[in-house]
């Protein structure tokens, strides 16, 4: 059964290295990943589009949508990634 789950996260200002880590994580999960902010949506499936989307963000609060059979566990992996980033770079 396919699930759709979402999480609202604060996306810290990432270095290129951290942006690539997030992209790699999105490629390892089994769900389709979408980032949504201010009516703009980016499916995380092509690196150039993803980097362009991240670079043009004005607001760092973003909605992440996961669609797939493993969406619930994938959401946990994504949340863990963002918690690690928050502890490394407190606002």
Protein backbone atom coordinates (compact mmCIF):
# COMPACT_ATOMS: atom_id res chain seq x y z
CA UNK A 1 0.00 0.00 0.00
CA UNK A 2 1.32 3.43 -0.96
CA UNK A 3 1.54 6.09 1.75
CA UNK A 4 1.92 9.85 1.58
CA UNK A 5 3.40 11.60 4.59
CA UNK A 6 4.82 15.03 5.14
CA UNK A 7 7.00 16.90 7.58
CA UNK A 8 7.52 20.59 8.01
CA UNK A 9 11.18 21.29 8.73
CA UNK A 10 13.50 24.21 9.10
CA UNK A 11 16.11 23.88 6.39
CA UNK A 12 19.33 25.41 7.68
CA UNK A 13 21.64 27.29 5.37
CA UNK A 14 23.54 24.40 3.90
CA UNK A 15 27.01 24.33 2.48
CA UNK A 16 27.29 22.60 -0.87
CA UNK A 17 28.56 19.53 0.98
CA UNK A 18 25.44 19.38 3.20
CA UNK A 19 23.18 19.98 0.20
CA UNK A 20 24.78 17.01 -1.54
CA UNK A 21 24.38 14.88 1.61
CA UNK A 22 20.65 15.69 1.63
CA UNK A 23 20.40 14.85 -2.07
CA UNK A 24 22.17 11.54 -1.52
CA UNK A 25 19.83 10.71 1.35
CA UNK A 26 16.84 11.47 -0.87
CA UNK A 27 18.26 9.10 -3.48
CA UNK A 28 18.68 6.25 -0.99
CA UNK A 29 15.13 6.28 0.38
CA UNK A 30 12.51 4.25 -1.43
CA UNK A 31 9.90 7.03 -1.53
CA UNK A 32 9.56 9.87 -3.98
CA UNK A 33 10.60 13.08 -2.22
CA UNK A 34 9.09 16.48 -2.92
CA UNK A 35 10.07 19.82 -1.39
CA UNK A 36 7.34 22.48 -1.24
CA UNK A 37 7.64 26.15 -0.36
CA UNK A 38 5.49 29.16 -1.29
CA UNK A 39 3.62 27.27 -4.02
CA UNK A 40 6.81 25.94 -5.61
CA UNK A 41 7.44 22.20 -5.73
CA UNK A 42 10.65 20.34 -6.48
CA UNK A 43 10.76 16.58 -6.93
CA UNK A 44 14.18 15.52 -5.69
CA UNK A 45 15.21 13.39 -8.64
CA UNK A 46 17.66 15.59 -10.58
CA UNK A 47 20.63 17.22 -8.89
CA UNK A 48 20.69 20.47 -10.91
CA UNK A 49 16.99 21.17 -10.25
CA UNK A 50 17.43 20.33 -6.58
CA UNK A 51 20.42 22.65 -6.11
CA UNK A 52 18.65 25.44 -7.97
CA UNK A 53 15.59 25.04 -5.73
CA UNK A 54 17.71 25.10 -2.55
CA UNK A 55 19.69 28.15 -3.69
CA UNK A 56 16.56 30.19 -4.41
CA UNK A 57 14.87 29.55 -1.07
CA UNK A 58 14.09 32.73 0.81
CA UNK A 59 12.21 31.10 3.66
CA UNK A 60 13.89 28.15 5.36
CA UNK A 61 10.65 26.54 6.59
CA UNK A 62 9.85 23.89 4.04
CA UNK A 63 7.37 21.06 3.61
CA UNK A 64 8.85 17.69 2.68
CA UNK A 65 6.43 15.17 1.18
CA UNK A 66 7.29 11.49 0.88
CA UNK A 67 5.24 9.17 -1.33
CA UNK A 68 5.73 5.41 -1.40
CA UNK A 69 5.35 2.11 0.41
CA UNK A 70 8.14 3.00 2.85
CA UNK A 71 7.12 6.63 3.38
CA UNK A 72 6.70 6.28 7.15
CA UNK A 73 10.20 4.89 7.73
CA UNK A 74 11.66 7.27 5.15
CA UNK A 75 10.16 10.19 7.08
CA UNK A 76 11.99 8.97 10.18
CA UNK A 77 15.30 8.90 8.29
CA UNK A 78 14.72 12.42 6.96
CA UNK A 79 13.74 13.74 10.39
CA UNK A 80 16.88 12.16 11.87
CA UNK A 81 19.01 13.90 9.23
CA UNK A 82 17.49 17.30 10.04
CA UNK A 83 17.83 16.76 13.79
CA UNK A 84 21.53 16.06 13.29
CA UNK A 85 21.89 19.26 11.27
CA UNK A 86 20.06 21.27 13.94
CA UNK A 87 22.38 20.01 16.67
CA UNK A 88 25.48 20.78 14.57
CA UNK A 89 24.34 24.26 13.51
CA UNK A 90 22.02 25.73 16.14
CA UNK A 91 20.10 28.80 14.98
